[in-house]
C-alpha atoms as a PDB file:
ATOM      1  CA  MET A   1     -24.778  -2.927   5.261  1.00  0.00           C
ATOM      2  CA  GLY A   2     -23.271   0.161   6.829  1.00  0.00           C
ATOM      3  CA  ILE A   3     -19.604   0.983   7.341  1.00  0.00           C
ATOM      4  CA  LYS A   4     -19.546  -0.483  10.866  1.00  0.00           C
ATOM      5  CA  ASN A   5     -20.970  -3.805   9.700  1.00  0.00           C
ATOM      6  CA  ASN A   6     -18.592  -3.901   6.731  1.00  0.00           C
ATOM      7  CA  ILE A   7     -15.566  -3.294   8.971  1.00  0.00           C
ATOM      8  CA  GLU A   8     -16.678  -6.006  11.390  1.00  0.00           C
ATOM      9  CA  LYS A   9     -17.198  -8.434   8.500  1.00  0.00           C
ATOM     10  CA  PHE A  10     -13.689  -7.890   7.167  1.00  0.00           C
ATOM     11  CA  GLN A  11     -12.084  -8.012  10.598  1.00  0.00           C
ATOM     12  CA  ALA A  12     -13.748 -11.360  11.279  1.00  0.00           C
ATOM     13  CA  GLU A  13     -12.730 -12.705   7.882  1.00  0.00           C
ATOM     14  CA  LEU A  14      -9.110 -11.528   7.974  1.00  0.00           C
ATOM     15  CA  LYS A  15      -8.129 -12.163  11.595  1.00  0.00           C
ATOM     16  CA  PRO A  16      -7.831 -15.981  11.297  1.00  0.00           C
ATOM     17  CA  VAL A  17      -5.499 -15.662   8.271  1.00  0.00           C
ATOM     18  CA  LYS A  18      -3.457 -12.833   9.859  1.00  0.00           C
ATOM     19  CA  VAL A  19      -4.017 -10.451   6.959  1.00  0.00           C
ATOM     20  CA  ARG A  20      -4.392  -6.751   7.732  1.00  0.00           C
ATOM     21  CA  LEU A  21      -7.087  -4.553   6.252  1.00  0.00           C
ATOM     22  CA  ILE A  22      -6.338  -1.195   4.682  1.00  0.00           C
ATOM     23  CA  ALA A  23      -9.569   0.775   4.428  1.00  0.00           C
ATOM     24  CA  VAL A  24      -9.140   2.745   1.204  1.00  0.00           C
ATOM     25  CA  SER A  25     -10.723   6.077   2.010  1.00  0.00           C
ATOM     26  CA  LYS A  26      -9.897   8.006  -1.171  1.00  0.00           C
ATOM     27  CA  THR A  27     -12.742  10.325  -2.224  1.00  0.00           C
ATOM     28  CA  HIS A  28     -14.569   9.608   1.041  1.00  0.00           C
ATOM     29  CA  SER A  29     -15.256  12.204   3.706  1.00  0.00           C
ATOM     30  CA  VAL A  30     -13.670  12.654   7.110  1.00  0.00           C
ATOM     31  CA  ASP A  31     -17.015  11.701   8.656  1.00  0.00           C
ATOM     32  CA  LYS A  32     -16.981   8.322   6.923  1.00  0.00           C
ATOM     33  CA  ILE A  33     -13.377   7.700   7.939  1.00  0.00           C
ATOM     34  CA  ARG A  34     -14.236   8.600  11.528  1.00  0.00           C
ATOM     35  CA  GLU A  35     -17.140   6.129  11.427  1.00  0.00           C
ATOM     36  CA  ALA A  36     -14.764   3.389  10.296  1.00  0.00           C
ATOM     37  CA  TYR A  37     -12.267   4.422  12.987  1.00  0.00           C
ATOM     38  CA  GLU A  38     -14.934   4.232  15.674  1.00  0.00           C
ATOM     39  CA  SER A  39     -15.701   0.710  14.427  1.00  0.00           C
ATOM     40  CA  GLY A  40     -12.128  -0.320  15.229  1.00  0.00           C
ATOM     41  CA  GLN A  41     -10.313   0.313  11.939  1.00  0.00           C
ATOM     42  CA  ARG A  42      -6.895   1.944  12.298  1.00  0.00           C
ATOM     43  CA  ILE A  43      -5.191   1.611   8.887  1.00  0.00           C
ATOM     44  CA  PHE A  44      -6.410   3.850   6.067  1.00  0.00           C
ATOM     45  CA  GLY A  45      -5.150   4.155   2.498  1.00  0.00           C
ATOM     46  CA  GLU A  46      -5.192   7.243   0.309  1.00  0.00           C
ATOM     47  CA  ASN A  47      -4.207   7.679  -3.347  1.00  0.00           C
ATOM     48  CA  ARG A  48      -3.554  11.403  -3.574  1.00  0.00           C
ATOM     49  CA  VAL A  49      -1.208  13.479  -1.476  1.00  0.00           C
ATOM     50  CA  GLN A  50      -3.398  16.585  -1.413  1.00  0.00           C
ATOM     51  CA  GLU A  51      -6.425  14.690  -0.166  1.00  0.00           C
ATOM     52  CA  LEU A  52      -4.334  12.846   2.412  1.00  0.00           C
ATOM     53  CA  THR A  53      -2.721  15.986   3.816  1.00  0.00           C
ATOM     54  CA  ASP A  54      -6.130  17.668   4.055  1.00  0.00           C
ATOM     55  CA  LYS A  55      -7.660  14.782   5.997  1.00  0.00           C
ATOM     56  CA  GLN A  56      -4.792  13.760   8.271  1.00  0.00           C
ATOM     57  CA  PRO A  57      -4.907  16.735  10.718  1.00  0.00           C
ATOM     58  CA  GLN A  58      -8.656  16.330  11.213  1.00  0.00           C
ATOM     59  CA  LEU A  59      -8.526  12.733  12.400  1.00  0.00           C
ATOM     60  CA  PRO A  60      -7.099  10.825  15.382  1.00  0.00           C
ATOM     61  CA  ALA A  61      -3.326  10.743  15.712  1.00  0.00           C
ATOM     62  CA  ASP A  62      -3.127   6.969  16.073  1.00  0.00           C
ATOM     63  CA  ILE A  63      -4.361   6.322  12.522  1.00  0.00           C
ATOM     64  CA  GLU A  64      -1.786   4.581  10.326  1.00  0.00           C
ATOM     65  CA  TRP A  65      -1.872   6.372   6.976  1.00  0.00           C
ATOM     66  CA  HIS A  66      -0.744   4.401   3.925  1.00  0.00           C
ATOM     67  CA  LEU A  67      -0.078   6.063   0.572  1.00  0.00           C
ATOM     68  CA  ILE A  68      -1.199   3.541  -2.048  1.00  0.00           C
ATOM     69  CA  GLY A  69      -1.400   5.678  -5.206  1.00  0.00           C
ATOM     70  CA  HIS A  70       1.229   6.913  -7.628  1.00  0.00           C
ATOM     71  CA  LEU A  71       3.566   9.310  -5.823  1.00  0.00           C
ATOM     72  CA  GLN A  72       5.295  12.203  -7.586  1.00  0.00           C
ATOM     73  CA  ARG A  73       8.737  13.116  -6.257  1.00  0.00           C
ATOM     74  CA  ASN A  74       7.826  16.772  -5.702  1.00  0.00           C
ATOM     75  CA  LYS A  75       5.057  15.744  -3.274  1.00  0.00           C
ATOM     76  CA  VAL A  76       7.071  13.413  -1.044  1.00  0.00           C
ATOM     77  CA  LYS A  77       7.947  16.214   1.399  1.00  0.00           C
ATOM     78  CA  TYR A  78       4.305  16.729   2.340  1.00  0.00           C
ATOM     79  CA  ILE A  79       3.758  13.214   3.715  1.00  0.00           C
ATOM     80  CA  VAL A  80       7.084  12.147   5.254  1.00  0.00           C
ATOM     81  CA  PRO A  81       6.352  13.747   8.665  1.00  0.00           C
ATOM     82  CA  PHE A  82       3.494  11.325   9.364  1.00  0.00           C
ATOM     83  CA  ILE A  83       3.129   8.558   6.745  1.00  0.00           C
ATOM     84  CA  SER A  84       3.266   4.990   8.091  1.00  0.00           C
ATOM     85  CA  LEU A  85       3.906   3.149   4.830  1.00  0.00           C
ATOM     86  CA  ILE A  86       4.317   4.118   1.175  1.00  0.00           C
ATOM     87  CA  HIS A  87       3.151   1.192  -0.964  1.00  0.00           C
ATOM     88  CA  SER A  88       3.758   2.683  -4.387  1.00  0.00           C
ATOM     89  CA  VAL A  89       7.515   3.212  -4.746  1.00  0.00           C
ATOM     90  CA  ASP A  90       8.088   2.591  -8.438  1.00  0.00           C
ATOM     91  CA  SER A  91      11.570   3.973  -9.195  1.00  0.00           C
ATOM     92  CA  ARG A  92      15.052   4.363  -7.756  1.00  0.00           C
ATOM     93  CA  LYS A  93      14.728   8.145  -8.068  1.00  0.00           C
ATOM     94  CA  LEU A  94      11.596   8.115  -5.924  1.00  0.00           C
ATOM     95  CA  LEU A  95      13.384   6.040  -3.279  1.00  0.00           C
ATOM     96  CA  GLU A  96      16.202   8.585  -3.243  1.00  0.00           C
ATOM     97  CA  GLU A  97      13.776  11.471  -2.846  1.00  0.00           C
ATOM     98  CA  ILE A  98      11.988   9.737   0.018  1.00  0.00           C
ATOM     99  CA  ASN A  99      15.373   9.210   1.653  1.00  0.00           C
ATOM    100  CA  THR A 100      16.287  12.892   1.201  1.00  0.00           C
ATOM    101  CA  GLN A 101      13.018  14.108   2.699  1.00  0.00           C
ATOM    102  CA  GLY A 102      13.162  11.542   5.490  1.00  0.00           C
ATOM    103  CA  GLU A 103      16.590  12.845   6.468  1.00  0.00           C
ATOM    104  CA  LYS A 104      15.222  16.396   6.657  1.00  0.00           C
ATOM    105  CA  VAL A 105      12.678  15.377   9.289  1.00  0.00           C
ATOM    106  CA  ASN A 106      15.006  12.762  10.876  1.00  0.00           C
ATOM    107  CA  ARG A 107      12.541   9.964  10.243  1.00  0.00           C
ATOM    108  CA  VAL A 108      13.001   6.564   8.584  1.00  0.00           C
ATOM    109  CA  ILE A 109      10.232   6.050   6.024  1.00  0.00           C
ATOM    110  CA  HIS A 110       8.863   2.577   5.478  1.00  0.00           C
ATOM    111  CA  CYS A 111       8.241   1.646   1.849  1.00  0.00           C
ATOM    112  CA  LEU A 112       7.066  -1.147  -0.418  1.00  0.00           C
ATOM    113  CA  LEU A 113       8.294  -1.555  -3.968  1.00  0.00           C
ATOM    114  CA  GLN A 114       5.456  -1.533  -6.477  1.00  0.00           C
ATOM    115  CA  VAL A 115       5.949  -4.294  -9.032  1.00  0.00           C
ATOM    116  CA  TYR A 116       4.245  -4.234 -12.422  1.00  0.00           C
ATOM    117  CA  ILE A 117       2.336  -7.527 -12.682  1.00  0.00           C
ATOM    118  CA  ALA A 118      -0.774  -6.548 -14.673  1.00  0.00           C
ATOM    119  CA  ARG A 119      -1.430  -6.790 -18.393  1.00  0.00           C
ATOM    120  CA  GLU A 120      -2.463  -3.146 -18.562  1.00  0.00           C
ATOM    121  CA  GLU A 121      -0.528  -0.121 -19.714  1.00  0.00           C
ATOM    122  CA  THR A 122      -2.000   2.162 -17.060  1.00  0.00           C
ATOM    123  CA  LYS A 123      -0.243   0.533 -14.100  1.00  0.00           C
ATOM    124  CA  PHE A 124       3.013   1.787 -12.581  1.00  0.00           C
ATOM    125  CA  GLY A 125       5.816  -0.266 -11.104  1.00  0.00           C
ATOM    126  CA  PHE A 126       9.180  -1.959 -11.417  1.00  0.00           C
ATOM    127  CA  ASP A 127       9.626  -4.929 -13.712  1.00  0.00           C
ATOM    128  CA  ILE A 128      10.612  -8.063 -11.812  1.00  0.00           C
ATOM    129  CA  SER A 129      14.152  -7.880 -13.222  1.00  0.00           C
ATOM    130  CA  GLU A 130      14.453  -4.240 -12.113  1.00  0.00           C
ATOM    131  CA  VAL A 131      13.558  -5.180  -8.542  1.00  0.00           C
ATOM    132  CA  GLU A 132      16.243  -7.838  -8.482  1.00  0.00           C
ATOM    133  CA  GLN A 133      18.799  -5.365  -9.872  1.00  0.00           C
ATOM    134  CA  LEU A 134      17.804  -2.759  -7.294  1.00  0.00           C
ATOM    135  CA  PHE A 135      18.638  -5.103  -4.434  1.00  0.00           C
ATOM    136  CA  GLN A 136      22.058  -5.701  -5.975  1.00  0.00           C
ATOM    137  CA  SER A 137      22.785  -1.956  -5.926  1.00  0.00           C
ATOM    138  CA  ASP A 138      23.909   0.282  -3.075  1.00  0.00           C
ATOM    139  CA  ILE A 139      20.482   1.022  -1.601  1.00  0.00           C
ATOM    140  CA  ALA A 140      21.863   0.316   1.894  1.00  0.00           C
ATOM    141  CA  SER A 141      23.342   3.827   1.610  1.00  0.00           C
ATOM    142  CA  LEU A 142      19.808   5.245   1.808  1.00  0.00           C
ATOM    143  CA  LYS A 143      19.714   5.478   5.600  1.00  0.00           C
ATOM    144  CA  PHE A 144      16.262   7.031   5.907  1.00  0.00           C
ATOM    145  CA  ILE A 145      14.251   4.352   4.125  1.00  0.00           C
ATOM    146  CA  ASP A 146      13.296   0.822   5.062  1.00  0.00           C
ATOM    147  CA  ILE A 147      11.994  -1.436   2.307  1.00  0.00           C
ATOM    148  CA  ASP A 148       9.498  -3.763   3.977  1.00  0.00           C
ATOM    149  CA  GLY A 149       8.276  -5.748   0.971  1.00  0.00           C
ATOM    150  CA  LEU A 150       6.356  -5.552  -2.286  1.00  0.00           C
ATOM    151  CA  MET A 151       3.061  -4.275  -3.669  1.00  0.00           C
ATOM    152  CA  GLY A 152       1.198  -5.169  -6.846  1.00  0.00           C
ATOM    153  CA  ILE A 153      -2.076  -4.471  -8.637  1.00  0.00           C
ATOM    154  CA  ALA A 154      -3.626  -7.209 -10.760  1.00  0.00           C
ATOM    155  CA  THR A 155      -5.315  -6.655 -14.089  1.00  0.00           C
ATOM    156  CA  LEU A 156      -8.928  -5.488 -13.880  1.00  0.00           C
ATOM    157  CA  THR A 157     -10.542  -8.552 -15.404  1.00  0.00           C
ATOM    158  CA  GLU A 158     -13.180 -11.210 -14.728  1.00  0.00           C
ATOM    159  CA  ASN A 159     -10.566 -13.885 -15.470  1.00  0.00           C
ATOM    160  CA  LYS A 160      -9.775 -15.199 -11.995  1.00  0.00           C
ATOM    161  CA  GLU A 161      -7.007 -17.481 -13.215  1.00  0.00           C
ATOM    162  CA  GLN A 162      -5.205 -14.515 -14.762  1.00  0.00           C
ATOM    163  CA  ILE A 163      -5.510 -12.590 -11.508  1.00  0.00           C
ATOM    164  CA  ARG A 164      -4.242 -15.594  -9.567  1.00  0.00           C
ATOM    165  CA  SER A 165      -1.297 -15.995 -11.934  1.00  0.00           C
ATOM    166  CA  GLU A 166      -0.322 -12.332 -11.514  1.00  0.00           C
ATOM    167  CA  PHE A 167      -0.507 -12.529  -7.732  1.00  0.00           C
ATOM    168  CA  LYS A 168       1.444 -15.777  -7.784  1.00  0.00           C
ATOM    169  CA  SER A 169       4.230 -14.155  -9.827  1.00  0.00           C
ATOM    170  CA  LEU A 170       4.560 -11.440  -7.184  1.00  0.00           C
ATOM    171  CA  LYS A 171       4.563 -13.973  -4.344  1.00  0.00           C
ATOM    172  CA  ASP A 172       7.240 -16.002  -6.149  1.00  0.00           C
ATOM    173  CA  LEU A 173       9.433 -12.885  -6.387  1.00  0.00           C
ATOM    174  CA  PHE A 174       8.757 -12.103  -2.722  1.00  0.00           C
ATOM    175  CA  ASP A 175       9.805 -15.621  -1.691  1.00  0.00           C
ATOM    176  CA  ARG A 176      12.963 -15.549  -3.825  1.00  0.00           C
ATOM    177  CA  LEU A 177      14.028 -12.230  -2.348  1.00  0.00           C
ATOM    178  CA  LYS A 178      13.271 -13.465   1.137  1.00  0.00           C
ATOM    179  CA  GLN A 179      15.866 -16.203   0.682  1.00  0.00           C
ATOM    180  CA  GLN A 180      18.549 -13.774  -0.462  1.00  0.00           C
ATOM    181  CA  HIS A 181      20.985 -11.684   1.531  1.00  0.00           C
ATOM    182  CA  LEU A 182      19.293  -8.310   1.188  1.00  0.00           C
ATOM    183  CA  PRO A 183      20.718  -4.864   2.017  1.00  0.00           C
ATOM    184  CA  SER A 184      20.579  -3.870   5.677  1.00  0.00           C
ATOM    185  CA  ASN A 185      17.602  -1.559   5.150  1.00  0.00           C
ATOM    186  CA  SER A 186      15.523  -4.150   3.284  1.00  0.00           C
ATOM    187  CA  GLN A 187      13.457  -7.143   4.265  1.00  0.00           C
ATOM    188  CA  MET A 188      10.579  -9.104   2.824  1.00  0.00           C
ATOM    189  CA  LYS A 189       7.869  -9.071   5.481  1.00  0.00           C
ATOM    190  CA  GLU A 190       4.895  -7.389   3.766  1.00  0.00           C
ATOM    191  CA  LEU A 191       3.096  -8.290   0.558  1.00  0.00           C
ATOM    192  CA  SER A 192       0.370  -5.823  -0.400  1.00  0.00           C
ATOM    193  CA  MET A 193      -2.000  -7.206  -3.019  1.00  0.00           C
ATOM    194  CA  GLY A 194      -5.741  -7.533  -3.406  1.00  0.00           C
ATOM    195  CA  MET A 195      -8.602  -5.040  -3.565  1.00  0.00           C
ATOM    196  CA  SER A 196     -12.393  -5.231  -3.197  1.00  0.00           C
ATOM    197  CA  ALA A 197     -12.881  -7.411  -6.291  1.00  0.00           C
ATOM    198  CA  ASP A 198      -9.940  -9.792  -5.879  1.00  0.00           C
ATOM    199  CA  TYR A 199      -8.833  -9.751  -2.231  1.00  0.00           C
ATOM    200  CA  LYS A 200      -9.893 -13.357  -1.607  1.00  0.00           C
ATOM    201  CA  ILE A 201      -7.578 -14.599  -4.358  1.00  0.00           C
ATOM    202  CA  ALA A 202      -4.810 -12.375  -2.997  1.00  0.00           C
ATOM    203  CA  ILE A 203      -5.189 -13.880   0.470  1.00  0.00           C
ATOM    204  CA  GLU A 204      -4.979 -17.386  -0.978  1.00  0.00           C
ATOM    205  CA  GLU A 205      -1.756 -16.382  -2.750  1.00  0.00           C
ATOM    206  CA  GLY A 206      -0.063 -15.005   0.360  1.00  0.00           C
ATOM    207  CA  SER A 207      -0.988 -11.344   0.764  1.00  0.00           C
ATOM    208  CA  THR A 208      -0.344  -9.701   4.159  1.00  0.00           C
ATOM    209  CA  PHE A 209      -2.256  -6.475   3.363  1.00  0.00           C
ATOM    210  CA  VAL A 210      -5.490  -6.102   1.374  1.00  0.00           C
ATOM    211  CA  ARG A 211      -6.615  -2.682   0.169  1.00  0.00           C
ATOM    212  CA  VAL A 212     -10.415  -2.436   0.294  1.00  0.00           C
ATOM    213  CA  GLY A 213     -12.469   0.662  -0.445  1.00  0.00           C
ATOM    214  CA  THR A 214     -15.768   0.095  -2.236  1.00  0.00           C
ATOM    215  CA  ALA A 215     -16.696  -2.958  -0.161  1.00  0.00           C
ATOM    216  CA  ILE A 216     -16.383  -0.836   2.992  1.00  0.00           C
ATOM    217  CA  PHE A 217     -17.431   2.686   2.045  1.00  0.00           C
ATOM    218  CA  GLY A 218     -19.563   2.103  -1.050  1.00  0.00           C
ATOM    219  CA  GLY A 219     -19.134   4.031  -4.294  1.00  0.00           C
ATOM    220  CA  ARG A 220     -16.948   7.097  -4.637  1.00  0.00           C
ATOM    221  CA  GLU A 221     -18.228  10.423  -3.329  1.00  0.00           C
ATOM    222  CA  ASN A 222     -18.249  12.906  -6.195  1.00  0.00           C
ATOM    223  CA  ASN A 223     -18.648  15.953  -3.975  1.00  0.00           C
ATOM    224  CA  LEU A 224     -16.093  15.169  -1.325  1.00  0.00           C
ATOM    225  CA  LYS A 225     -16.394  17.170   1.867  1.00  0.00           C
ATOM    226  CA  ILE A 226     -13.033  17.070   3.618  1.00  0.00           C
END
């Protein structure tokens, strides 16, 4: 199926469960993104700041751009003028830098805390205990960030029960935090988990965003034409 048919399939599947689709457009061309846009998709996810800042000016202004990959502090300034949501906040220092750059452009930046739930050494994120400690700190003083929820990436494995267990651990943390008195700039309303291979499990475990690339756009484009 083509991009249009893939978008329509996901929209039909996700609408009844009120889960939003992030079309992960990393390594894919502006033309492919535009095709998805013309099929009704409005939320796109990118992993790399350079690729995102190259694409963003060439595409419609009403696109919601989500940064879903590891974010280095020295690159925050390039995306704060337009980013809709940063999923991959994995340290207090990164939060502080986002706040600093948000203040410079007088814009509150919406963020998710990335939590390490996988059994892989390559993944970034807070430990569960670190997230709980963060919310007990003075993050309300960071006036130019809003923490909207959590994000996690499950282990790349064929073991569906392991994936389910990892997603469940993130949902359990999400629910616990939701019951707590959180800082004024924090709330638990978004839970970003699930990709092309495991999004159905993620939906069953309570995800509000799924991040899907390959199942929409096909394999990565090696010779990307921005």
